[in-house]
Structures are given as C-alpha cells and as structure tokens.
C-alpha cells in the first residue's frame, strides 16, 4: 500500500525527505536566535558595569546605569528559561523519543 502511494505520488517522497530537514532547520534558527539575544544581554550588562566603574559614587548618571541592571537580569532570566524550555521540548520530540534505547 505504501509503495503504491509513493509511486503514484512522487511528492510524498519529497515530503518525507524534506520535512525533517525543515523542522531541524527551524529548531536551529529558534535556538540560535534565543542564544544571540542572551549574548546581547550579556554584552549590555558588561557595558553597563564598565560605565558604573567609571562614574563617581554620588553622580546622577550612576543611578541611571544602576537602574538598568535589574532589568537586564530579568531579561536574562526570561531568555534562559525560554531557551531551557525550548531545549526540553525539542528533546521530548517523538523522533528523539523513538530513537532512544529502552531503559532496562
């Protein structure tokens, strides 16, 4: 039955071959995008702490720079949680689960 369908419809072969590649590519793009955002937060945090080291203790600029740190920390935590959730979901995909050997 399956062989007859594949011969009758060559696009079904293409779908079987291409679909996993497209899904893998999409997963990689999402992971890289999230990772790049996390890297930008780390870069911004580094820039803010560098500026804080240059500013005197009582200056108004110090308050502005210091106010950014909790926001950056929250953003980093949210991105890390989303990245962890994404990797957990991709690790629990049916293809991954079926390829694992059973636990004895």
C-alpha atoms as a PDB file:
ATOM      1  CA  UNK A   1       0.000   0.000   0.000  1.00  0.00           C
ATOM      2  CA  UNK A   2       2.737   2.472   0.935  1.00  0.00           C
ATOM      3  CA  UNK A   3       4.880   1.589  -2.086  1.00  0.00           C
ATOM      4  CA  UNK A   4       1.913   2.117  -4.396  1.00  0.00           C
ATOM      5  CA  UNK A   5       1.270   5.546  -2.861  1.00  0.00           C
ATOM      6  CA  UNK A   6       4.909   6.580  -3.230  1.00  0.00           C
ATOM      7  CA  UNK A   7       4.997   5.551  -6.875  1.00  0.00           C
ATOM      8  CA  UNK A   8       1.720   7.283  -7.620  1.00  0.00           C
ATOM      9  CA  UNK A   9       2.694  10.497  -5.837  1.00  0.00           C
ATOM     10  CA  UNK A  10       6.410  11.393  -6.041  1.00  0.00           C
ATOM     11  CA  UNK A  11       5.816  14.474  -3.897  1.00  0.00           C
ATOM     12  CA  UNK A  12       5.152  12.231  -0.902  1.00  0.00           C
ATOM     13  CA  UNK A  13       8.781  11.028  -1.115  1.00  0.00           C
ATOM     14  CA  UNK A  14       9.933  14.631  -1.203  1.00  0.00           C
ATOM     15  CA  UNK A  15       7.772  15.421   1.813  1.00  0.00           C
ATOM     16  CA  UNK A  16       9.199  12.507   3.787  1.00  0.00           C
ATOM     17  CA  UNK A  17      12.740  13.596   2.994  1.00  0.00           C
ATOM     18  CA  UNK A  18      12.372  17.358   3.351  1.00  0.00           C
ATOM     19  CA  UNK A  19      10.054  17.671   6.374  1.00  0.00           C
ATOM     20  CA  UNK A  20      12.610  16.556   9.000  1.00  0.00           C
ATOM     21  CA  UNK A  21      15.239  18.842   7.485  1.00  0.00           C
ATOM     22  CA  UNK A  22      12.892  21.822   7.593  1.00  0.00           C
ATOM     23  CA  UNK A  23      11.917  21.123  11.199  1.00  0.00           C
ATOM     24  CA  UNK A  24      15.558  20.695  12.214  1.00  0.00           C
ATOM     25  CA  UNK A  25      16.472  23.945  10.495  1.00  0.00           C
ATOM     26  CA  UNK A  26      13.600  25.799  12.167  1.00  0.00           C
ATOM     27  CA  UNK A  27      14.629  24.461  15.571  1.00  0.00           C
ATOM     28  CA  UNK A  28      18.209  25.562  14.974  1.00  0.00           C
ATOM     29  CA  UNK A  29      17.122  29.048  13.938  1.00  0.00           C
ATOM     30  CA  UNK A  30      14.979  29.422  17.076  1.00  0.00           C
ATOM     31  CA  UNK A  31      17.785  28.195  19.324  1.00  0.00           C
ATOM     32  CA  UNK A  32      20.369  30.470  17.709  1.00  0.00           C
ATOM     33  CA  UNK A  33      18.051  33.476  17.867  1.00  0.00           C
ATOM     34  CA  UNK A  34      17.408  32.966  21.563  1.00  0.00           C
ATOM     35  CA  UNK A  35      21.091  32.406  22.223  1.00  0.00           C
ATOM     36  CA  UNK A  36      22.003  35.602  20.343  1.00  0.00           C
ATOM     37  CA  UNK A  37      19.520  37.601  22.403  1.00  0.00           C
ATOM     38  CA  UNK A  38      21.053  36.195  25.569  1.00  0.00           C
ATOM     39  CA  UNK A  39      24.507  37.173  24.302  1.00  0.00           C
ATOM     40  CA  UNK A  40      23.302  40.739  23.636  1.00  0.00           C
ATOM     41  CA  UNK A  41      22.024  40.955  27.229  1.00  0.00           C
ATOM     42  CA  UNK A  42      25.418  39.785  28.487  1.00  0.00           C
ATOM     43  CA  UNK A  43      27.183  42.377  26.306  1.00  0.00           C
ATOM     44  CA  UNK A  44      24.880  45.145  27.536  1.00  0.00           C
ATOM     45  CA  UNK A  45      25.414  44.095  31.162  1.00  0.00           C
ATOM     46  CA  UNK A  46      29.155  44.217  30.619  1.00  0.00           C
ATOM     47  CA  UNK A  47      28.868  47.714  29.099  1.00  0.00           C
ATOM     48  CA  UNK A  48      26.727  48.948  31.999  1.00  0.00           C
ATOM     49  CA  UNK A  49      29.113  47.604  34.634  1.00  0.00           C
ATOM     50  CA  UNK A  50      32.046  49.204  32.778  1.00  0.00           C
ATOM     51  CA  UNK A  51      30.250  52.565  32.835  1.00  0.00           C
ATOM     52  CA  UNK A  52      29.412  52.117  36.520  1.00  0.00           C
ATOM     53  CA  UNK A  53      33.095  51.634  37.290  1.00  0.00           C
ATOM     54  CA  UNK A  54      33.882  54.991  35.615  1.00  0.00           C
ATOM     55  CA  UNK A  55      31.123  57.047  37.292  1.00  0.00           C
ATOM     56  CA  UNK A  56      31.614  58.592  40.728  1.00  0.00           C
ATOM     57  CA  UNK A  57      29.578  57.342  43.674  1.00  0.00           C
ATOM     58  CA  UNK A  58      27.160  60.268  44.071  1.00  0.00           C
ATOM     59  CA  UNK A  59      26.583  61.156  40.437  1.00  0.00           C
ATOM     60  CA  UNK A  60      23.148  61.123  38.832  1.00  0.00           C
ATOM     61  CA  UNK A  61      24.480  59.048  35.940  1.00  0.00           C
ATOM     62  CA  UNK A  62      25.260  56.271  38.407  1.00  0.00           C
ATOM     63  CA  UNK A  63      21.550  55.995  39.290  1.00  0.00           C
ATOM     64  CA  UNK A  64      20.634  55.732  35.602  1.00  0.00           C
ATOM     65  CA  UNK A  65      23.205  52.999  34.973  1.00  0.00           C
ATOM     66  CA  UNK A  66      22.326  51.142  38.179  1.00  0.00           C
ATOM     67  CA  UNK A  67      18.600  51.150  37.308  1.00  0.00           C
ATOM     68  CA  UNK A  68      19.363  49.138  34.158  1.00  0.00           C
ATOM     69  CA  UNK A  69      20.915  46.192  35.980  1.00  0.00           C
ATOM     70  CA  UNK A  70      17.693  44.669  37.434  1.00  0.00           C
ATOM     71  CA  UNK A  71      16.008  44.961  34.027  1.00  0.00           C
ATOM     72  CA  UNK A  72      18.922  43.208  32.353  1.00  0.00           C
ATOM     73  CA  UNK A  73      18.882  40.492  34.995  1.00  0.00           C
ATOM     74  CA  UNK A  74      15.147  39.900  34.456  1.00  0.00           C
ATOM     75  CA  UNK A  75      15.606  39.802  30.690  1.00  0.00           C
ATOM     76  CA  UNK A  76      18.471  37.299  31.002  1.00  0.00           C
ATOM     77  CA  UNK A  77      16.451  35.061  33.328  1.00  0.00           C
ATOM     78  CA  UNK A  78      13.455  35.067  30.979  1.00  0.00           C
ATOM     79  CA  UNK A  79      15.597  34.258  27.951  1.00  0.00           C
ATOM     80  CA  UNK A  80      17.394  31.489  29.817  1.00  0.00           C
ATOM     81  CA  UNK A  81      14.076  29.967  30.928  1.00  0.00           C
ATOM     82  CA  UNK A  82      12.707  30.106  27.360  1.00  0.00           C
ATOM     83  CA  UNK A  83      15.865  28.529  25.989  1.00  0.00           C
ATOM     84  CA  UNK A  84      15.716  25.759  28.606  1.00  0.00           C
ATOM     85  CA  UNK A  85      12.035  25.142  27.820  1.00  0.00           C
ATOM     86  CA  UNK A  86      12.784  25.049  24.102  1.00  0.00           C
ATOM     87  CA  UNK A  87      15.580  22.521  24.515  1.00  0.00           C
ATOM     88  CA  UNK A  88      13.369  20.403  26.791  1.00  0.00           C
ATOM     89  CA  UNK A  89      10.553  20.378  24.228  1.00  0.00           C
ATOM     90  CA  UNK A  90      12.910  19.548  21.362  1.00  0.00           C
ATOM     91  CA  UNK A  91      14.456  16.784  23.479  1.00  0.00           C
ATOM     92  CA  UNK A  92      10.993  15.269  24.042  1.00  0.00           C
ATOM     93  CA  UNK A  93      10.036  15.197  20.377  1.00  0.00           C
ATOM     94  CA  UNK A  94       8.571  11.906  19.119  1.00  0.00           C
ATOM     95  CA  UNK A  95      11.542  11.331  16.797  1.00  0.00           C
ATOM     96  CA  UNK A  96      14.010  11.682  19.668  1.00  0.00           C
ATOM     97  CA  UNK A  97      11.969   9.502  22.000  1.00  0.00           C
ATOM     98  CA  UNK A  98      11.597   6.713  19.460  1.00  0.00           C
ATOM     99  CA  UNK A  99      15.330   6.685  18.708  1.00  0.00           C
ATOM    100  CA  UNK A 100      16.352   6.196  22.328  1.00  0.00           C
ATOM    101  CA  UNK A 101      17.100   2.763  23.595  1.00  0.00           C
ATOM    102  CA  UNK A 102      14.753   1.469  26.287  1.00  0.00           C
ATOM    103  CA  UNK A 103      15.865   1.774  29.885  1.00  0.00           C
ATOM    104  CA  UNK A 104      16.459  -1.613  31.469  1.00  0.00           C
END
